[in-house]
C-alpha atoms as a PDB file:
ATOM      1  CA  MET A   1      94.972 214.659 -77.921  1.00  0.00           C
ATOM      2  CA  ARG A   2      96.192 214.895 -81.487  1.00  0.00           C
ATOM      3  CA  CYS A   3      92.810 215.157 -82.851  1.00  0.00           C
ATOM      4  CA  ALA A   4      92.289 218.456 -80.772  1.00  0.00           C
ATOM      5  CA  THR A   5      95.040 219.615 -81.688  1.00  0.00           C
ATOM      6  CA  ILE A   6      94.616 219.610 -85.043  1.00  0.00           C
ATOM      7  CA  VAL A   7      91.112 220.832 -84.701  1.00  0.00           C
ATOM      8  CA  SER A   8      92.519 223.798 -83.054  1.00  0.00           C
ATOM      9  CA  TYR A   9      95.211 224.542 -84.785  1.00  0.00           C
ATOM     10  CA  VAL A  10      92.953 224.927 -88.135  1.00  0.00           C
ATOM     11  CA  ASN A  11      90.312 226.615 -86.407  1.00  0.00           C
ATOM     12  CA  GLY A  12      91.535 227.923 -83.194  1.00  0.00           C
ATOM     13  CA  THR A  13      91.214 226.939 -79.606  1.00  0.00           C
ATOM     14  CA  ASN A  14      88.042 229.222 -79.060  1.00  0.00           C
ATOM     15  CA  ALA A  15      86.451 227.685 -82.100  1.00  0.00           C
ATOM     16  CA  LEU A  16      86.994 224.297 -80.975  1.00  0.00           C
ATOM     17  CA  LEU A  17      85.841 224.859 -77.534  1.00  0.00           C
ATOM     18  CA  LYS A  18      82.656 226.772 -78.348  1.00  0.00           C
ATOM     19  CA  ILE A  19      81.620 223.599 -80.448  1.00  0.00           C
ATOM     20  CA  PHE A  20      81.114 222.113 -77.086  1.00  0.00           C
ATOM     21  CA  SER A  21      80.332 225.083 -74.570  1.00  0.00           C
ATOM     22  CA  LYS A  22      80.259 228.874 -74.367  1.00  0.00           C
ATOM     23  CA  ASN A  23      81.437 227.931 -70.977  1.00  0.00           C
ATOM     24  CA  ARG A  24      85.552 228.061 -71.321  1.00  0.00           C
ATOM     25  CA  LYS A  25      85.686 225.881 -68.411  1.00  0.00           C
ATOM     26  CA  GLU A  26      82.605 223.867 -69.321  1.00  0.00           C
ATOM     27  CA  ALA A  27      84.079 222.756 -72.454  1.00  0.00           C
ATOM     28  CA  ILE A  28      87.331 221.950 -71.469  1.00  0.00           C
ATOM     29  CA  SER A  29      85.755 219.653 -68.686  1.00  0.00           C
ATOM     30  CA  ILE A  30      83.220 217.954 -71.539  1.00  0.00           C
ATOM     31  CA  ILE A  31      86.234 217.302 -73.853  1.00  0.00           C
ATOM     32  CA  ASN A  32      88.273 216.056 -70.792  1.00  0.00           C
ATOM     33  CA  SER A  33      85.470 213.251 -70.136  1.00  0.00           C
ATOM     34  CA  MET A  34      85.495 212.350 -73.556  1.00  0.00           C
ATOM     35  CA  THR A  35      87.046 209.260 -75.213  1.00  0.00           C
ATOM     36  CA  ILE A  36      89.227 209.940 -78.457  1.00  0.00           C
ATOM     37  CA  LYS A  37      86.412 208.378 -80.067  1.00  0.00           C
ATOM     38  CA  SER A  38      83.511 210.541 -79.077  1.00  0.00           C
ATOM     39  CA  PHE A  39      85.188 213.248 -79.248  1.00  0.00           C
ATOM     40  CA  CYS A  40      86.420 212.624 -82.946  1.00  0.00           C
ATOM     41  CA  ALA A  41      82.548 211.786 -83.671  1.00  0.00           C
ATOM     42  CA  TYR A  42      81.410 214.564 -81.439  1.00  0.00           C
ATOM     43  CA  ILE A  43      83.362 217.030 -83.990  1.00  0.00           C
ATOM     44  CA  LYS A  44      82.705 215.617 -87.171  1.00  0.00           C
ATOM     45  CA  LYS A  45      78.901 215.708 -86.349  1.00  0.00           C
ATOM     46  CA  ASN A  46      78.892 219.153 -84.738  1.00  0.00           C
ATOM     47  CA  ILE A  47      81.517 221.533 -86.846  1.00  0.00           C
ATOM     48  CA  GLN A  48      79.133 222.270 -89.673  1.00  0.00           C
ATOM     49  CA  GLN A  49      76.750 222.776 -87.404  1.00  0.00           C
ATOM     50  CA  ASN A  50      79.001 225.704 -85.820  1.00  0.00           C
ATOM     51  CA  LYS A  51      80.709 226.944 -88.982  1.00  0.00           C
ATOM     52  CA  HIS A  52      79.838 230.464 -88.356  1.00  0.00           C
ATOM     53  CA  LEU A  53      82.678 229.623 -84.963  1.00  0.00           C
ATOM     54  CA  ILE A  54      84.873 229.061 -87.357  1.00  0.00           C
ATOM     55  CA  ILE A  55      87.359 231.559 -88.627  1.00  0.00           C
END
């Protein structure tokens, strides 16, 4: 997913995954079950709430 690549490049993979779950495997599962549209919407909504996770 292009969006995931861009977000993880800018913020780091761990920061991206922690937006979805503290558990890495669970976060990957959640991301893989989403559509591109729902992934992007979730990131836009939650990235501000999880600013402390972003380096």
